[in-house]
Protein backbone atom coordinates (compact mmCIF):
# COMPACT_ATOMS: atom_id res chain seq x y z
CA MET A 1 -31.60 28.73 19.68
CA ALA A 2 -28.90 26.48 18.21
CA GLN A 3 -28.96 22.74 18.90
CA ASN A 4 -26.15 21.20 20.91
CA LYS A 5 -23.66 19.26 18.77
CA THR A 6 -22.65 16.80 21.47
CA VAL A 7 -25.73 14.77 22.36
CA GLU A 8 -26.22 11.19 23.44
CA THR A 9 -26.59 8.82 20.49
CA ILE A 10 -27.53 5.19 19.96
CA GLU A 11 -24.22 4.39 18.22
CA SER A 12 -22.23 1.46 19.56
CA VAL A 13 -19.29 2.24 21.85
CA ALA A 14 -17.69 -1.09 20.88
CA ASN A 15 -17.98 -0.31 17.17
CA PHE A 16 -16.49 3.17 17.70
CA LEU A 17 -13.56 1.85 19.71
CA ALA A 18 -12.96 -0.83 17.08
CA THR A 19 -12.04 1.98 14.68
CA VAL A 20 -9.10 3.10 16.86
CA THR A 21 -6.08 2.00 14.79
CA ASP A 22 -3.41 2.19 17.53
CA GLU A 23 -3.74 -1.14 19.34
CA THR A 24 -2.27 0.16 22.60
CA LYS A 25 -4.67 3.12 22.63
CA LYS A 26 -7.59 0.84 21.73
CA GLN A 27 -6.80 -1.47 24.68
CA ASP A 28 -6.36 1.54 26.99
CA CYS A 29 -9.81 2.77 25.90
CA LEU A 30 -11.41 -0.60 26.55
CA ASN A 31 -9.79 -0.64 30.00
CA ILE A 32 -11.08 2.89 30.70
CA VAL A 33 -14.61 1.78 29.76
CA THR A 34 -14.42 -1.18 32.18
CA ILE A 35 -13.09 0.99 35.01
CA MET A 36 -15.50 3.86 34.46
CA GLU A 37 -18.55 1.61 34.25
CA LYS A 38 -17.53 0.04 37.56
CA VAL A 39 -16.75 3.36 39.27
CA THR A 40 -19.72 5.38 37.97
CA GLY A 41 -22.32 2.61 37.82
CA PHE A 42 -23.32 3.83 34.35
CA LYS A 43 -22.98 2.00 31.02
CA ALA A 44 -20.79 3.64 28.38
CA LYS A 45 -22.72 5.53 25.69
CA MET A 46 -21.66 7.57 22.70
CA TRP A 47 -22.00 11.35 22.93
CA GLY A 48 -21.68 12.83 19.47
CA PRO A 49 -19.46 11.00 17.03
CA SER A 50 -16.34 10.65 19.20
CA ILE A 51 -16.97 10.95 22.96
CA VAL A 52 -17.59 7.93 25.20
CA GLY A 53 -19.61 9.13 28.16
CA PHE A 54 -20.98 7.74 31.42
CA GLY A 55 -24.14 9.03 33.03
CA SER A 56 -25.71 12.39 32.22
CA TYR A 57 -26.93 15.59 33.77
CA HIS A 58 -29.20 18.41 32.65
CA TYR A 59 -27.94 22.01 32.70
CA LYS A 60 -29.62 25.37 32.16
CA TYR A 61 -27.84 28.69 31.88
CA GLU A 62 -29.31 32.06 32.88
CA SER A 63 -29.42 32.84 29.15
CA GLY A 64 -32.03 30.09 28.77
CA ARG A 65 -29.70 27.73 26.89
CA GLU A 66 -30.04 24.22 28.24
CA GLY A 67 -29.15 20.66 27.42
CA ASP A 68 -27.74 17.40 28.62
CA ALA A 69 -24.12 16.33 28.94
CA ALA A 70 -22.19 13.28 30.07
CA LEU A 71 -21.19 13.30 33.73
CA VAL A 72 -17.77 12.04 32.72
CA GLY A 73 -16.29 10.96 29.42
CA PHE A 74 -13.24 10.55 27.21
CA SER A 75 -12.26 10.50 23.58
CA PRO A 76 -9.39 8.65 21.88
CA ARG A 77 -7.86 11.67 20.08
CA LYS A 78 -5.11 11.37 17.49
CA ASN A 79 -2.25 12.13 19.87
CA GLU A 80 -3.74 11.23 23.26
CA ILE A 81 -6.82 10.16 25.13
CA GLY A 82 -8.62 13.30 26.17
């Protein structure tokens, strides 16, 4: 069975967000991290190379495929924060 591409990593959220070139978007992302950590009670962690996630849950489909995913997350995309 194929491995999931989006998994929790040990990469730094701060280092990732430092690479956001649009200063307004970067500040928005830092504000989102602060708000989401307060609301969820979970520290921000990187999921894959570009998703900032908070908390996690385990899922398993009837097909047998299973994995872990962030409870909630966002990514600073080129045109918008998704």
